[in-house]
């Protein structure tokens, strides 16, 4: 669950960086009241923590992803 949440946050961060790079428009700042707003800073921090967490995905055993278990677990 934490892996999926981290990946979602990274996608949000990547799309935000893409909009900054292409359009010079910060979506998070626009939605949350500027880059220095507390909500924007929280979002930026959560994206950074998600990136740090996703570093662990690079070092996990490949067997972890290929175990005999259903693809979708509830």
C-alpha atoms as a PDB file:
ATOM      1  CA  UNK A   1       0.000   0.000   0.000  1.00  0.00           C
ATOM      2  CA  UNK A   2       2.798   2.402   0.884  1.00  0.00           C
ATOM      3  CA  UNK A   3       4.499   1.610  -2.431  1.00  0.00           C
ATOM      4  CA  UNK A   4       1.395   2.565  -4.394  1.00  0.00           C
ATOM      5  CA  UNK A   5       0.878   5.763  -2.413  1.00  0.00           C
ATOM      6  CA  UNK A   6       4.507   6.716  -2.961  1.00  0.00           C
ATOM      7  CA  UNK A   7       4.241   6.083  -6.679  1.00  0.00           C
ATOM      8  CA  UNK A   8       1.084   8.208  -6.891  1.00  0.00           C
ATOM      9  CA  UNK A   9       2.848  11.061  -5.106  1.00  0.00           C
ATOM     10  CA  UNK A  10       5.818  10.738  -7.460  1.00  0.00           C
ATOM     11  CA  UNK A  11       3.505  10.892 -10.463  1.00  0.00           C
ATOM     12  CA  UNK A  12       1.953  14.073  -9.064  1.00  0.00           C
ATOM     13  CA  UNK A  13       5.418  15.512  -8.493  1.00  0.00           C
ATOM     14  CA  UNK A  14       6.575  14.516 -11.966  1.00  0.00           C
ATOM     15  CA  UNK A  15       3.553  16.093 -13.613  1.00  0.00           C
ATOM     16  CA  UNK A  16       4.097  19.244 -11.567  1.00  0.00           C
ATOM     17  CA  UNK A  17       7.774  19.410 -12.598  1.00  0.00           C
ATOM     18  CA  UNK A  18       6.744  18.821 -16.201  1.00  0.00           C
ATOM     19  CA  UNK A  19       4.300  21.715 -16.066  1.00  0.00           C
ATOM     20  CA  UNK A  20       7.010  23.924 -14.576  1.00  0.00           C
ATOM     21  CA  UNK A  21       9.521  22.903 -17.237  1.00  0.00           C
ATOM     22  CA  UNK A  22       7.178  23.216 -20.212  1.00  0.00           C
ATOM     23  CA  UNK A  23       4.757  25.966 -19.198  1.00  0.00           C
ATOM     24  CA  UNK A  24       6.560  27.670 -16.275  1.00  0.00           C
ATOM     25  CA  UNK A  25       3.440  26.968 -14.222  1.00  0.00           C
ATOM     26  CA  UNK A  26       3.522  25.372 -10.749  1.00  0.00           C
ATOM     27  CA  UNK A  27       0.245  23.456 -10.377  1.00  0.00           C
ATOM     28  CA  UNK A  28       0.765  22.675  -6.683  1.00  0.00           C
ATOM     29  CA  UNK A  29       1.459  26.324  -5.858  1.00  0.00           C
ATOM     30  CA  UNK A  30      -1.549  27.405  -7.898  1.00  0.00           C
ATOM     31  CA  UNK A  31      -3.896  24.970  -6.135  1.00  0.00           C
ATOM     32  CA  UNK A  32      -2.464  25.428  -2.643  1.00  0.00           C
ATOM     33  CA  UNK A  33      -1.871  29.177  -2.471  1.00  0.00           C
ATOM     34  CA  UNK A  34       1.712  29.815  -3.556  1.00  0.00           C
ATOM     35  CA  UNK A  35       5.040  28.067  -3.118  1.00  0.00           C
ATOM     36  CA  UNK A  36       5.537  29.330   0.418  1.00  0.00           C
ATOM     37  CA  UNK A  37       2.049  28.378   1.602  1.00  0.00           C
ATOM     38  CA  UNK A  38       1.963  25.720   4.300  1.00  0.00           C
ATOM     39  CA  UNK A  39      -0.143  23.320   2.225  1.00  0.00           C
ATOM     40  CA  UNK A  40       2.224  23.608  -0.748  1.00  0.00           C
ATOM     41  CA  UNK A  41       5.207  22.945   1.497  1.00  0.00           C
ATOM     42  CA  UNK A  42       3.476  19.871   2.923  1.00  0.00           C
ATOM     43  CA  UNK A  43       2.776  18.542  -0.587  1.00  0.00           C
ATOM     44  CA  UNK A  44       6.385  19.176  -1.661  1.00  0.00           C
ATOM     45  CA  UNK A  45       7.649  17.424   1.471  1.00  0.00           C
ATOM     46  CA  UNK A  46       5.359  14.415   0.938  1.00  0.00           C
ATOM     47  CA  UNK A  47       6.580  14.087  -2.652  1.00  0.00           C
ATOM     48  CA  UNK A  48      10.194  14.201  -1.444  1.00  0.00           C
ATOM     49  CA  UNK A  49       9.517  11.539   1.205  1.00  0.00           C
ATOM     50  CA  UNK A  50       7.797   9.388  -1.417  1.00  0.00           C
ATOM     51  CA  UNK A  51      10.879   9.685  -3.640  1.00  0.00           C
ATOM     52  CA  UNK A  52      13.104   8.592  -0.778  1.00  0.00           C
ATOM     53  CA  UNK A  53      10.811   5.626  -0.101  1.00  0.00           C
ATOM     54  CA  UNK A  54      10.834   4.623  -3.791  1.00  0.00           C
ATOM     55  CA  UNK A  55      14.618   4.360  -3.710  1.00  0.00           C
ATOM     56  CA  UNK A  56      14.010   1.140  -1.780  1.00  0.00           C
ATOM     57  CA  UNK A  57      12.179  -0.271  -4.816  1.00  0.00           C
ATOM     58  CA  UNK A  58      15.484  -0.354  -6.656  1.00  0.00           C
ATOM     59  CA  UNK A  59      17.073  -2.642  -4.074  1.00  0.00           C
ATOM     60  CA  UNK A  60      14.270  -5.100  -3.391  1.00  0.00           C
ATOM     61  CA  UNK A  61      14.517  -8.740  -4.364  1.00  0.00           C
ATOM     62  CA  UNK A  62      13.005  -9.502  -7.720  1.00  0.00           C
ATOM     63  CA  UNK A  63      11.322 -12.521  -6.115  1.00  0.00           C
ATOM     64  CA  UNK A  64       9.246 -10.147  -3.996  1.00  0.00           C
ATOM     65  CA  UNK A  65       7.415  -9.028  -7.119  1.00  0.00           C
ATOM     66  CA  UNK A  66       6.992 -12.520  -8.592  1.00  0.00           C
ATOM     67  CA  UNK A  67       5.568 -14.449  -5.654  1.00  0.00           C
ATOM     68  CA  UNK A  68       2.574 -16.692  -6.228  1.00  0.00           C
ATOM     69  CA  UNK A  69      -0.107 -14.320  -5.075  1.00  0.00           C
ATOM     70  CA  UNK A  70      -2.994 -12.583  -6.827  1.00  0.00           C
ATOM     71  CA  UNK A  71      -2.157  -9.445  -8.760  1.00  0.00           C
ATOM     72  CA  UNK A  72      -4.906  -7.506  -6.994  1.00  0.00           C
ATOM     73  CA  UNK A  73      -5.282  -8.047  -3.286  1.00  0.00           C
ATOM     74  CA  UNK A  74      -7.948  -6.366  -1.228  1.00  0.00           C
END
